[in-house]
């Protein structure tokens, strides 16, 4: 019995070192797997100094201290020709997230010659009264400021495409569908990933209370469950549901959804796609069949999504180069 104790006592540093290596090996493996998944989902974009100019933390609402980051293409002879811009809106269930979450997308498309930006917006907080319309107002103010700042930096904007992921995808689509006529910059198209598209009671079949709660918060109104279930408050639901706002004037749309997404299930994709088809709105729908909410399991679909965006840019924006 003495030998084991003596071995442990004399070699504890070696054992601890081995344990540390095993733990680190596990961490490295996990990190590599995670990094691969991010690449599969197209959430990584390399950046070099010559790719463009980045203006960070530009304040567009001093009262709420809301900011955006602006990415400008490298100087060229065509900078004075109005071109397209993209504004990216982060996700986070409307209550978390930050503008830097969409930096990868800004980097990607500024390399193609387009002005890009990623914005912060008013987040839902316990005890504070607001609605989705508060955030739509933020988007409008950001677009106005972005337009003026880009022009002052010799990049006049012809039109903008709105984009986002998850809650950001919902907000981008909601603004594009409901405020295109009043937007300070013409909206050319919208492209989004896994954005909730409607808030009727069948939107989350496994969580029937979720749509009710989100409608009250998102529309900023009081209602009873009976009023919601009976359809009396349908107009409130419609006002925050992109799929219910589609008409013959709706802007062209690119949308991507996960076939195995538990957070934004397939009814959201089906409802939006059906509405766009009904009104003959130009659209591209991409379903990632093996992916959940983060769209990490279908790299071929990620490639199709990127190609569809660039095709829409070529079609709806002035030539980038």
C-alpha atoms as a PDB file:
ATOM      1  CA  UNK A   1       0.000   0.000   0.000  1.00  0.00           C
ATOM      2  CA  UNK A   2       2.938   2.325   0.513  1.00  0.00           C
ATOM      3  CA  UNK A   3       4.055   2.195  -3.119  1.00  0.00           C
ATOM      4  CA  UNK A   4       0.909   3.708  -4.579  1.00  0.00           C
ATOM      5  CA  UNK A   5       0.945   6.515  -2.039  1.00  0.00           C
ATOM      6  CA  UNK A   6       4.625   7.087  -2.720  1.00  0.00           C
ATOM      7  CA  UNK A   7       4.019   7.120  -6.477  1.00  0.00           C
ATOM      8  CA  UNK A   8       1.191   9.635  -6.188  1.00  0.00           C
ATOM      9  CA  UNK A   9       3.236  11.791  -3.867  1.00  0.00           C
ATOM     10  CA  UNK A  10       6.351  11.737  -6.058  1.00  0.00           C
ATOM     11  CA  UNK A  11       4.584  12.101  -9.399  1.00  0.00           C
ATOM     12  CA  UNK A  12       1.641  14.366  -8.638  1.00  0.00           C
ATOM     13  CA  UNK A  13       3.048  17.077 -10.895  1.00  0.00           C
ATOM     14  CA  UNK A  14       3.208  14.651 -13.788  1.00  0.00           C
ATOM     15  CA  UNK A  15      -0.361  13.483 -13.140  1.00  0.00           C
ATOM     16  CA  UNK A  16      -1.614  17.035 -12.892  1.00  0.00           C
ATOM     17  CA  UNK A  17       0.181  17.868 -16.119  1.00  0.00           C
ATOM     18  CA  UNK A  18      -1.438  14.929 -17.882  1.00  0.00           C
ATOM     19  CA  UNK A  19      -4.843  15.925 -16.563  1.00  0.00           C
ATOM     20  CA  UNK A  20      -4.280  19.485 -17.757  1.00  0.00           C
ATOM     21  CA  UNK A  21      -3.281  18.243 -21.207  1.00  0.00           C
ATOM     22  CA  UNK A  22      -6.407  16.082 -21.420  1.00  0.00           C
ATOM     23  CA  UNK A  23      -8.628  18.990 -20.441  1.00  0.00           C
ATOM     24  CA  UNK A  24      -6.881  21.333 -22.870  1.00  0.00           C
ATOM     25  CA  UNK A  25      -7.083  18.726 -25.596  1.00  0.00           C
ATOM     26  CA  UNK A  26     -10.825  18.501 -25.024  1.00  0.00           C
ATOM     27  CA  UNK A  27     -11.150  22.286 -25.096  1.00  0.00           C
ATOM     28  CA  UNK A  28      -9.115  22.581 -28.267  1.00  0.00           C
ATOM     29  CA  UNK A  29     -11.150  19.859 -29.951  1.00  0.00           C
ATOM     30  CA  UNK A  30     -14.384  21.554 -28.930  1.00  0.00           C
ATOM     31  CA  UNK A  31     -13.082  24.904 -30.157  1.00  0.00           C
ATOM     32  CA  UNK A  32     -12.040  23.421 -33.503  1.00  0.00           C
ATOM     33  CA  UNK A  33     -15.427  21.762 -33.964  1.00  0.00           C
ATOM     34  CA  UNK A  34     -17.199  25.022 -33.082  1.00  0.00           C
ATOM     35  CA  UNK A  35     -14.975  26.979 -35.468  1.00  0.00           C
ATOM     36  CA  UNK A  36     -15.767  24.516 -38.253  1.00  0.00           C
ATOM     37  CA  UNK A  37     -19.493  24.896 -37.604  1.00  0.00           C
ATOM     38  CA  UNK A  38     -19.177  28.678 -37.768  1.00  0.00           C
ATOM     39  CA  UNK A  39     -17.412  28.371 -41.107  1.00  0.00           C
ATOM     40  CA  UNK A  40     -20.073  25.963 -42.358  1.00  0.00           C
ATOM     41  CA  UNK A  41     -22.707  28.546 -41.505  1.00  0.00           C
ATOM     42  CA  UNK A  42     -20.674  31.325 -43.196  1.00  0.00           C
ATOM     43  CA  UNK A  43     -20.335  33.308 -39.954  1.00  0.00           C
ATOM     44  CA  UNK A  44     -16.616  34.016 -40.405  1.00  0.00           C
ATOM     45  CA  UNK A  45     -15.050  36.541 -42.749  1.00  0.00           C
ATOM     46  CA  UNK A  46     -11.357  37.352 -42.821  1.00  0.00           C
ATOM     47  CA  UNK A  47     -10.295  41.004 -42.841  1.00  0.00           C
ATOM     48  CA  UNK A  48      -7.230  42.910 -43.960  1.00  0.00           C
ATOM     49  CA  UNK A  49      -6.446  46.606 -43.721  1.00  0.00           C
ATOM     50  CA  UNK A  50      -6.913  47.206 -47.432  1.00  0.00           C
ATOM     51  CA  UNK A  51     -10.434  45.746 -47.523  1.00  0.00           C
ATOM     52  CA  UNK A  52     -12.104  49.013 -46.577  1.00  0.00           C
ATOM     53  CA  UNK A  53     -12.505  51.778 -44.020  1.00  0.00           C
ATOM     54  CA  UNK A  54     -14.336  51.107 -40.750  1.00  0.00           C
ATOM     55  CA  UNK A  55     -15.946  53.890 -38.730  1.00  0.00           C
ATOM     56  CA  UNK A  56     -17.000  52.469 -35.363  1.00  0.00           C
ATOM     57  CA  UNK A  57     -19.466  53.572 -32.691  1.00  0.00           C
ATOM     58  CA  UNK A  58     -21.181  56.318 -34.667  1.00  0.00           C
ATOM     59  CA  UNK A  59     -23.985  57.683 -32.475  1.00  0.00           C
ATOM     60  CA  UNK A  60     -27.306  57.984 -34.281  1.00  0.00           C
ATOM     61  CA  UNK A  61     -29.476  58.481 -31.156  1.00  0.00           C
ATOM     62  CA  UNK A  62     -27.729  60.472 -28.445  1.00  0.00           C
ATOM     63  CA  UNK A  63     -30.639  60.193 -26.004  1.00  0.00           C
ATOM     64  CA  UNK A  64     -30.415  56.385 -25.903  1.00  0.00           C
ATOM     65  CA  UNK A  65     -26.726  56.283 -26.878  1.00  0.00           C
ATOM     66  CA  UNK A  66     -27.486  54.003 -29.823  1.00  0.00           C
ATOM     67  CA  UNK A  67     -24.639  53.453 -32.267  1.00  0.00           C
ATOM     68  CA  UNK A  68     -23.699  51.780 -35.502  1.00  0.00           C
ATOM     69  CA  UNK A  69     -20.502  50.739 -37.257  1.00  0.00           C
ATOM     70  CA  UNK A  70     -20.039  51.827 -40.868  1.00  0.00           C
ATOM     71  CA  UNK A  71     -17.914  49.953 -43.403  1.00  0.00           C
ATOM     72  CA  UNK A  72     -16.867  51.859 -46.537  1.00  0.00           C
ATOM     73  CA  UNK A  73     -15.299  50.312 -49.650  1.00  0.00           C
ATOM     74  CA  UNK A  74     -11.765  51.325 -50.617  1.00  0.00           C
ATOM     75  CA  UNK A  75     -11.504  54.657 -52.465  1.00  0.00           C
ATOM     76  CA  UNK A  76     -12.080  54.463 -56.207  1.00  0.00           C
ATOM     77  CA  UNK A  77     -13.129  56.639 -59.087  1.00  0.00           C
ATOM     78  CA  UNK A  78     -16.680  55.396 -58.731  1.00  0.00           C
ATOM     79  CA  UNK A  79     -17.200  56.428 -55.111  1.00  0.00           C
ATOM     80  CA  UNK A  80     -19.240  59.476 -56.159  1.00  0.00           C
ATOM     81  CA  UNK A  81     -21.708  57.259 -58.078  1.00  0.00           C
ATOM     82  CA  UNK A  82     -24.695  56.301 -55.889  1.00  0.00           C
ATOM     83  CA  UNK A  83     -24.585  52.624 -55.032  1.00  0.00           C
ATOM     84  CA  UNK A  84     -26.174  50.146 -52.664  1.00  0.00           C
ATOM     85  CA  UNK A  85     -25.848  49.758 -48.920  1.00  0.00           C
ATOM     86  CA  UNK A  86     -26.681  47.005 -46.480  1.00  0.00           C
ATOM     87  CA  UNK A  87     -27.818  47.465 -42.897  1.00  0.00           C
ATOM     88  CA  UNK A  88     -27.483  44.431 -40.639  1.00  0.00           C
ATOM     89  CA  UNK A  89     -29.578  43.922 -37.502  1.00  0.00           C
ATOM     90  CA  UNK A  90     -28.394  41.523 -34.819  1.00  0.00           C
ATOM     91  CA  UNK A  91     -30.443  38.841 -33.119  1.00  0.00           C
ATOM     92  CA  UNK A  92     -30.848  37.961 -29.452  1.00  0.00           C
ATOM     93  CA  UNK A  93     -34.575  37.448 -28.829  1.00  0.00           C
ATOM     94  CA  UNK A  94     -35.109  41.245 -28.974  1.00  0.00           C
ATOM     95  CA  UNK A  95     -33.523  41.584 -25.525  1.00  0.00           C
ATOM     96  CA  UNK A  96     -29.812  40.884 -26.015  1.00  0.00           C
ATOM     97  CA  UNK A  97     -27.075  40.894 -28.630  1.00  0.00           C
ATOM     98  CA  UNK A  98     -24.862  43.669 -30.001  1.00  0.00           C
ATOM     99  CA  UNK A  99     -23.946  45.238 -33.321  1.00  0.00           C
ATOM    100  CA  UNK A 100     -20.596  43.465 -33.406  1.00  0.00           C
ATOM    101  CA  UNK A 101     -22.456  40.170 -33.868  1.00  0.00           C
ATOM    102  CA  UNK A 102     -22.941  41.136 -37.533  1.00  0.00           C
ATOM    103  CA  UNK A 103     -19.432  42.412 -38.237  1.00  0.00           C
ATOM    104  CA  UNK A 104     -18.657  39.315 -40.306  1.00  0.00           C
ATOM    105  CA  UNK A 105     -21.453  40.187 -42.751  1.00  0.00           C
ATOM    106  CA  UNK A 106     -20.369  43.812 -43.038  1.00  0.00           C
ATOM    107  CA  UNK A 107     -16.846  42.704 -43.865  1.00  0.00           C
ATOM    108  CA  UNK A 108     -18.053  40.233 -46.469  1.00  0.00           C
ATOM    109  CA  UNK A 109     -20.124  42.606 -48.535  1.00  0.00           C
ATOM    110  CA  UNK A 110     -18.017  45.743 -48.243  1.00  0.00           C
ATOM    111  CA  UNK A 111     -15.377  43.694 -50.061  1.00  0.00           C
ATOM    112  CA  UNK A 112     -17.849  43.506 -52.947  1.00  0.00           C
ATOM    113  CA  UNK A 113     -17.978  47.298 -53.124  1.00  0.00           C
ATOM    114  CA  UNK A 114     -21.121  47.990 -51.094  1.00  0.00           C
ATOM    115  CA  UNK A 115     -21.470  50.258 -48.078  1.00  0.00           C
ATOM    116  CA  UNK A 116     -22.386  48.140 -45.062  1.00  0.00           C
ATOM    117  CA  UNK A 117     -23.356  48.858 -41.468  1.00  0.00           C
ATOM    118  CA  UNK A 118     -24.377  47.049 -38.313  1.00  0.00           C
ATOM    119  CA  UNK A 119     -26.504  48.747 -35.674  1.00  0.00           C
ATOM    120  CA  UNK A 120     -27.469  48.610 -32.030  1.00  0.00           C
ATOM    121  CA  UNK A 121     -31.122  49.179 -31.161  1.00  0.00           C
ATOM    122  CA  UNK A 122     -33.361  49.540 -28.124  1.00  0.00           C
ATOM    123  CA  UNK A 123     -33.583  46.203 -26.324  1.00  0.00           C
ATOM    124  CA  UNK A 124     -36.511  44.957 -24.299  1.00  0.00           C
ATOM    125  CA  UNK A 125     -35.832  45.331 -20.583  1.00  0.00           C
ATOM    126  CA  UNK A 126     -37.905  44.331 -17.594  1.00  0.00           C
ATOM    127  CA  UNK A 127     -40.112  47.179 -16.439  1.00  0.00           C
ATOM    128  CA  UNK A 128     -39.507  49.424 -19.466  1.00  0.00           C
ATOM    129  CA  UNK A 129     -42.390  50.169 -21.820  1.00  0.00           C
ATOM    130  CA  UNK A 130     -41.578  49.676 -25.503  1.00  0.00           C
ATOM    131  CA  UNK A 131     -42.589  47.617 -28.524  1.00  0.00           C
ATOM    132  CA  UNK A 132     -41.270  46.379 -31.836  1.00  0.00           C
ATOM    133  CA  UNK A 133     -42.309  49.757 -33.226  1.00  0.00           C
ATOM    134  CA  UNK A 134     -39.741  51.409 -30.955  1.00  0.00           C
ATOM    135  CA  UNK A 135     -37.063  49.389 -32.736  1.00  0.00           C
ATOM    136  CA  UNK A 136     -38.512  50.182 -36.167  1.00  0.00           C
ATOM    137  CA  UNK A 137     -38.149  53.857 -35.277  1.00  0.00           C
ATOM    138  CA  UNK A 138     -34.510  53.135 -34.375  1.00  0.00           C
ATOM    139  CA  UNK A 139     -33.934  51.538 -37.773  1.00  0.00           C
ATOM    140  CA  UNK A 140     -35.374  54.570 -39.535  1.00  0.00           C
ATOM    141  CA  UNK A 141     -33.160  56.960 -37.610  1.00  0.00           C
ATOM    142  CA  UNK A 142     -30.113  54.794 -38.231  1.00  0.00           C
ATOM    143  CA  UNK A 143     -30.819  54.661 -41.971  1.00  0.00           C
ATOM    144  CA  UNK A 144     -31.096  58.453 -42.126  1.00  0.00           C
ATOM    145  CA  UNK A 145     -27.835  58.933 -40.238  1.00  0.00           C
ATOM    146  CA  UNK A 146     -26.091  56.246 -42.274  1.00  0.00           C
ATOM    147  CA  UNK A 147     -27.178  57.903 -45.534  1.00  0.00           C
ATOM    148  CA  UNK A 148     -25.804  61.277 -44.476  1.00  0.00           C
ATOM    149  CA  UNK A 149     -22.559  59.882 -43.056  1.00  0.00           C
ATOM    150  CA  UNK A 150     -21.849  57.770 -46.117  1.00  0.00           C
ATOM    151  CA  UNK A 151     -22.456  60.752 -48.412  1.00  0.00           C
ATOM    152  CA  UNK A 152     -20.145  62.927 -46.311  1.00  0.00           C
ATOM    153  CA  UNK A 153     -17.491  60.252 -46.831  1.00  0.00           C
ATOM    154  CA  UNK A 154     -17.955  60.231 -50.634  1.00  0.00           C
ATOM    155  CA  UNK A 155     -20.165  57.144 -50.787  1.00  0.00           C
ATOM    156  CA  UNK A 156     -23.674  58.311 -51.755  1.00  0.00           C
ATOM    157  CA  UNK A 157     -26.293  55.595 -51.320  1.00  0.00           C
ATOM    158  CA  UNK A 158     -28.805  54.702 -54.008  1.00  0.00           C
ATOM    159  CA  UNK A 159     -30.793  52.135 -52.025  1.00  0.00           C
ATOM    160  CA  UNK A 160     -30.459  49.817 -49.051  1.00  0.00           C
ATOM    161  CA  UNK A 161     -30.973  46.144 -48.361  1.00  0.00           C
ATOM    162  CA  UNK A 162     -31.975  45.227 -44.826  1.00  0.00           C
ATOM    163  CA  UNK A 163     -30.770  42.032 -43.228  1.00  0.00           C
ATOM    164  CA  UNK A 164     -30.680  40.204 -39.930  1.00  0.00           C
ATOM    165  CA  UNK A 165     -30.551  36.894 -38.137  1.00  0.00           C
ATOM    166  CA  UNK A 166     -33.286  35.504 -35.848  1.00  0.00           C
ATOM    167  CA  UNK A 167     -34.885  38.477 -34.039  1.00  0.00           C
ATOM    168  CA  UNK A 168     -32.840  40.711 -36.330  1.00  0.00           C
ATOM    169  CA  UNK A 169     -34.263  38.890 -39.331  1.00  0.00           C
ATOM    170  CA  UNK A 170     -37.779  39.539 -38.051  1.00  0.00           C
ATOM    171  CA  UNK A 171     -37.041  43.237 -37.514  1.00  0.00           C
ATOM    172  CA  UNK A 172     -35.394  43.677 -40.916  1.00  0.00           C
ATOM    173  CA  UNK A 173     -38.337  42.033 -42.665  1.00  0.00           C
ATOM    174  CA  UNK A 174     -40.942  43.863 -40.583  1.00  0.00           C
ATOM    175  CA  UNK A 175     -39.391  47.240 -41.392  1.00  0.00           C
ATOM    176  CA  UNK A 176     -39.031  46.399 -45.077  1.00  0.00           C
ATOM    177  CA  UNK A 177     -42.641  45.231 -45.339  1.00  0.00           C
ATOM    178  CA  UNK A 178     -44.311  47.909 -43.229  1.00  0.00           C
ATOM    179  CA  UNK A 179     -42.206  51.058 -43.670  1.00  0.00           C
ATOM    180  CA  UNK A 180     -40.833  50.919 -47.193  1.00  0.00           C
ATOM    181  CA  UNK A 181     -42.957  53.941 -48.153  1.00  0.00           C
ATOM    182  CA  UNK A 182     -41.543  56.118 -45.365  1.00  0.00           C
ATOM    183  CA  UNK A 183     -37.966  54.855 -45.239  1.00  0.00           C
ATOM    184  CA  UNK A 184     -35.371  57.652 -45.553  1.00  0.00           C
ATOM    185  CA  UNK A 185     -33.488  55.384 -47.976  1.00  0.00           C
ATOM    186  CA  UNK A 186     -35.315  53.332 -50.633  1.00  0.00           C
ATOM    187  CA  UNK A 187     -35.403  49.647 -49.705  1.00  0.00           C
ATOM    188  CA  UNK A 188     -34.247  47.478 -52.597  1.00  0.00           C
ATOM    189  CA  UNK A 189     -34.748  44.089 -50.951  1.00  0.00           C
ATOM    190  CA  UNK A 190     -34.478  42.229 -47.666  1.00  0.00           C
ATOM    191  CA  UNK A 191     -32.519  39.088 -46.861  1.00  0.00           C
ATOM    192  CA  UNK A 192     -32.754  37.301 -43.552  1.00  0.00           C
ATOM    193  CA  UNK A 193     -32.078  34.078 -41.688  1.00  0.00           C
ATOM    194  CA  UNK A 194     -34.439  32.293 -39.278  1.00  0.00           C
ATOM    195  CA  UNK A 195     -36.557  35.356 -38.534  1.00  0.00           C
ATOM    196  CA  UNK A 196     -39.976  34.740 -36.910  1.00  0.00           C
ATOM    197  CA  UNK A 197     -42.563  35.615 -39.541  1.00  0.00           C
ATOM    198  CA  UNK A 198     -45.875  35.656 -37.653  1.00  0.00           C
ATOM    199  CA  UNK A 199     -47.381  35.602 -34.163  1.00  0.00           C
ATOM    200  CA  UNK A 200     -50.662  33.739 -34.504  1.00  0.00           C
ATOM    201  CA  UNK A 201     -51.253  30.999 -31.949  1.00  0.00           C
ATOM    202  CA  UNK A 202     -49.994  28.240 -34.280  1.00  0.00           C
ATOM    203  CA  UNK A 203     -46.614  29.934 -34.807  1.00  0.00           C
ATOM    204  CA  UNK A 204     -45.013  27.848 -32.066  1.00  0.00           C
ATOM    205  CA  UNK A 205     -47.131  24.651 -31.977  1.00  0.00           C
ATOM    206  CA  UNK A 206     -45.266  23.228 -28.989  1.00  0.00           C
ATOM    207  CA  UNK A 207     -45.427  26.476 -27.006  1.00  0.00           C
ATOM    208  CA  UNK A 208     -48.924  27.971 -27.432  1.00  0.00           C
ATOM    209  CA  UNK A 209     -48.328  30.688 -24.819  1.00  0.00           C
ATOM    210  CA  UNK A 210     -45.279  32.065 -26.589  1.00  0.00           C
ATOM    211  CA  UNK A 211     -47.098  33.843 -29.418  1.00  0.00           C
ATOM    212  CA  UNK A 212     -49.540  35.424 -26.972  1.00  0.00           C
ATOM    213  CA  UNK A 213     -46.762  36.810 -24.806  1.00  0.00           C
ATOM    214  CA  UNK A 214     -44.720  38.028 -27.747  1.00  0.00           C
ATOM    215  CA  UNK A 215     -47.732  39.737 -29.293  1.00  0.00           C
ATOM    216  CA  UNK A 216     -48.490  41.671 -26.110  1.00  0.00           C
ATOM    217  CA  UNK A 217     -44.877  42.751 -25.766  1.00  0.00           C
ATOM    218  CA  UNK A 218     -44.170  43.304 -29.452  1.00  0.00           C
ATOM    219  CA  UNK A 219     -47.339  45.233 -30.224  1.00  0.00           C
ATOM    220  CA  UNK A 220     -47.104  47.083 -26.906  1.00  0.00           C
ATOM    221  CA  UNK A 221     -50.727  46.538 -25.948  1.00  0.00           C
ATOM    222  CA  UNK A 222     -52.732  44.926 -23.185  1.00  0.00           C
ATOM    223  CA  UNK A 223     -54.997  42.060 -24.121  1.00  0.00           C
ATOM    224  CA  UNK A 224     -56.529  39.016 -22.504  1.00  0.00           C
ATOM    225  CA  UNK A 225     -55.856  35.501 -23.665  1.00  0.00           C
ATOM    226  CA  UNK A 226     -59.485  35.253 -24.734  1.00  0.00           C
ATOM    227  CA  UNK A 227     -59.137  38.341 -26.939  1.00  0.00           C
ATOM    228  CA  UNK A 228     -56.023  36.896 -28.514  1.00  0.00           C
ATOM    229  CA  UNK A 229     -57.446  33.408 -29.114  1.00  0.00           C
ATOM    230  CA  UNK A 230     -60.737  34.722 -30.512  1.00  0.00           C
ATOM    231  CA  UNK A 231     -59.037  36.866 -33.163  1.00  0.00           C
ATOM    232  CA  UNK A 232     -60.397  40.159 -31.829  1.00  0.00           C
ATOM    233  CA  UNK A 233     -56.828  41.440 -31.671  1.00  0.00           C
ATOM    234  CA  UNK A 234     -55.868  40.168 -35.116  1.00  0.00           C
ATOM    235  CA  UNK A 235     -54.806  43.630 -36.297  1.00  0.00           C
ATOM    236  CA  UNK A 236     -52.302  43.800 -33.452  1.00  0.00           C
ATOM    237  CA  UNK A 237     -50.900  40.414 -34.456  1.00  0.00           C
ATOM    238  CA  UNK A 238     -50.783  41.451 -38.103  1.00  0.00           C
ATOM    239  CA  UNK A 239     -48.933  44.674 -37.353  1.00  0.00           C
ATOM    240  CA  UNK A 240     -45.890  42.768 -36.073  1.00  0.00           C
ATOM    241  CA  UNK A 241     -46.059  39.730 -38.403  1.00  0.00           C
ATOM    242  CA  UNK A 242     -44.176  40.101 -41.702  1.00  0.00           C
ATOM    243  CA  UNK A 243     -45.950  37.134 -43.299  1.00  0.00           C
ATOM    244  CA  UNK A 244     -49.331  38.764 -42.675  1.00  0.00           C
ATOM    245  CA  UNK A 245     -48.213  42.081 -44.185  1.00  0.00           C
ATOM    246  CA  UNK A 246     -47.206  40.758 -47.595  1.00  0.00           C
ATOM    247  CA  UNK A 247     -48.952  42.354 -50.585  1.00  0.00           C
ATOM    248  CA  UNK A 248     -48.274  43.052 -54.247  1.00  0.00           C
ATOM    249  CA  UNK A 249     -45.927  45.904 -53.311  1.00  0.00           C
ATOM    250  CA  UNK A 250     -43.726  43.914 -50.920  1.00  0.00           C
ATOM    251  CA  UNK A 251     -39.993  44.192 -51.598  1.00  0.00           C
ATOM    252  CA  UNK A 252     -38.070  41.219 -53.022  1.00  0.00           C
ATOM    253  CA  UNK A 253     -37.036  38.785 -50.308  1.00  0.00           C
ATOM    254  CA  UNK A 254     -34.363  36.196 -49.620  1.00  0.00           C
ATOM    255  CA  UNK A 255     -35.041  33.981 -46.605  1.00  0.00           C
ATOM    256  CA  UNK A 256     -33.260  31.026 -45.042  1.00  0.00           C
ATOM    257  CA  UNK A 257     -34.601  28.641 -42.396  1.00  0.00           C
ATOM    258  CA  UNK A 258     -33.412  25.497 -40.661  1.00  0.00           C
ATOM    259  CA  UNK A 259     -35.300  22.283 -41.278  1.00  0.00           C
ATOM    260  CA  UNK A 260     -34.634  21.211 -37.678  1.00  0.00           C
ATOM    261  CA  UNK A 261     -34.928  24.561 -35.949  1.00  0.00           C
ATOM    262  CA  UNK A 262     -36.649  24.247 -32.530  1.00  0.00           C
ATOM    263  CA  UNK A 263     -36.636  28.005 -31.873  1.00  0.00           C
ATOM    264  CA  UNK A 264     -38.202  29.235 -35.104  1.00  0.00           C
ATOM    265  CA  UNK A 265     -39.996  26.125 -36.395  1.00  0.00           C
ATOM    266  CA  UNK A 266     -41.024  25.406 -39.985  1.00  0.00           C
ATOM    267  CA  UNK A 267     -44.481  27.120 -39.821  1.00  0.00           C
ATOM    268  CA  UNK A 268     -42.634  30.449 -39.996  1.00  0.00           C
ATOM    269  CA  UNK A 269     -40.921  29.519 -43.250  1.00  0.00           C
ATOM    270  CA  UNK A 270     -44.090  28.005 -44.708  1.00  0.00           C
ATOM    271  CA  UNK A 271     -46.274  31.000 -43.835  1.00  0.00           C
ATOM    272  CA  UNK A 272     -43.881  33.550 -45.296  1.00  0.00           C
ATOM    273  CA  UNK A 273     -43.160  31.543 -48.443  1.00  0.00           C
ATOM    274  CA  UNK A 274     -46.863  30.965 -49.116  1.00  0.00           C
ATOM    275  CA  UNK A 275     -47.646  34.678 -48.746  1.00  0.00           C
ATOM    276  CA  UNK A 276     -44.848  35.704 -51.111  1.00  0.00           C
ATOM    277  CA  UNK A 277     -46.006  33.154 -53.669  1.00  0.00           C
ATOM    278  CA  UNK A 278     -49.629  34.288 -53.376  1.00  0.00           C
ATOM    279  CA  UNK A 279     -48.721  37.884 -54.241  1.00  0.00           C
ATOM    280  CA  UNK A 280     -46.056  36.973 -56.815  1.00  0.00           C
ATOM    281  CA  UNK A 281     -43.322  38.745 -54.852  1.00  0.00           C
ATOM    282  CA  UNK A 282     -39.849  37.932 -56.196  1.00  0.00           C
ATOM    283  CA  UNK A 283     -38.196  35.724 -53.598  1.00  0.00           C
ATOM    284  CA  UNK A 284     -35.608  33.065 -52.908  1.00  0.00           C
ATOM    285  CA  UNK A 285     -36.263  30.549 -50.155  1.00  0.00           C
ATOM    286  CA  UNK A 286     -33.488  28.297 -48.889  1.00  0.00           C
ATOM    287  CA  UNK A 287     -34.181  25.540 -46.376  1.00  0.00           C
ATOM    288  CA  UNK A 288     -31.149  24.114 -44.571  1.00  0.00           C
ATOM    289  CA  UNK A 289     -32.465  20.545 -44.148  1.00  0.00           C
ATOM    290  CA  UNK A 290     -30.053  19.307 -41.486  1.00  0.00           C
ATOM    291  CA  UNK A 291     -29.648  22.511 -39.481  1.00  0.00           C
ATOM    292  CA  UNK A 292     -31.133  23.954 -36.341  1.00  0.00           C
ATOM    293  CA  UNK A 293     -31.407  27.628 -35.477  1.00  0.00           C
ATOM    294  CA  UNK A 294     -27.771  28.471 -36.231  1.00  0.00           C
ATOM    295  CA  UNK A 295     -27.761  26.881 -39.702  1.00  0.00           C
ATOM    296  CA  UNK A 296     -24.439  25.137 -39.064  1.00  0.00           C
ATOM    297  CA  UNK A 297     -24.943  21.779 -40.765  1.00  0.00           C
ATOM    298  CA  UNK A 298     -25.504  22.677 -44.430  1.00  0.00           C
ATOM    299  CA  UNK A 299     -22.493  24.474 -45.965  1.00  0.00           C
ATOM    300  CA  UNK A 300     -23.899  24.003 -49.476  1.00  0.00           C
ATOM    301  CA  UNK A 301     -26.997  25.947 -48.452  1.00  0.00           C
ATOM    302  CA  UNK A 302     -24.848  28.688 -46.923  1.00  0.00           C
ATOM    303  CA  UNK A 303     -23.100  29.025 -50.276  1.00  0.00           C
ATOM    304  CA  UNK A 304     -26.465  29.266 -52.073  1.00  0.00           C
ATOM    305  CA  UNK A 305     -27.593  31.940 -49.616  1.00  0.00           C
ATOM    306  CA  UNK A 306     -24.485  34.036 -50.252  1.00  0.00           C
ATOM    307  CA  UNK A 307     -24.799  33.630 -54.026  1.00  0.00           C
ATOM    308  CA  UNK A 308     -28.461  34.645 -53.929  1.00  0.00           C
ATOM    309  CA  UNK A 309     -27.588  37.824 -52.027  1.00  0.00           C
ATOM    310  CA  UNK A 310     -24.894  38.806 -54.521  1.00  0.00           C
ATOM    311  CA  UNK A 311     -27.271  38.138 -57.409  1.00  0.00           C
ATOM    312  CA  UNK A 312     -29.886  40.416 -55.823  1.00  0.00           C
ATOM    313  CA  UNK A 313     -27.199  43.068 -55.299  1.00  0.00           C
ATOM    314  CA  UNK A 314     -26.245  42.961 -58.966  1.00  0.00           C
ATOM    315  CA  UNK A 315     -29.880  43.209 -59.930  1.00  0.00           C
ATOM    316  CA  UNK A 316     -31.092  45.917 -57.524  1.00  0.00           C
ATOM    317  CA  UNK A 317     -27.997  48.050 -56.864  1.00  0.00           C
ATOM    318  CA  UNK A 318     -25.821  50.142 -59.102  1.00  0.00           C
ATOM    319  CA  UNK A 319     -22.663  48.329 -60.275  1.00  0.00           C
ATOM    320  CA  UNK A 320     -20.337  47.945 -57.327  1.00  0.00           C
ATOM    321  CA  UNK A 321     -17.120  48.284 -59.293  1.00  0.00           C
END
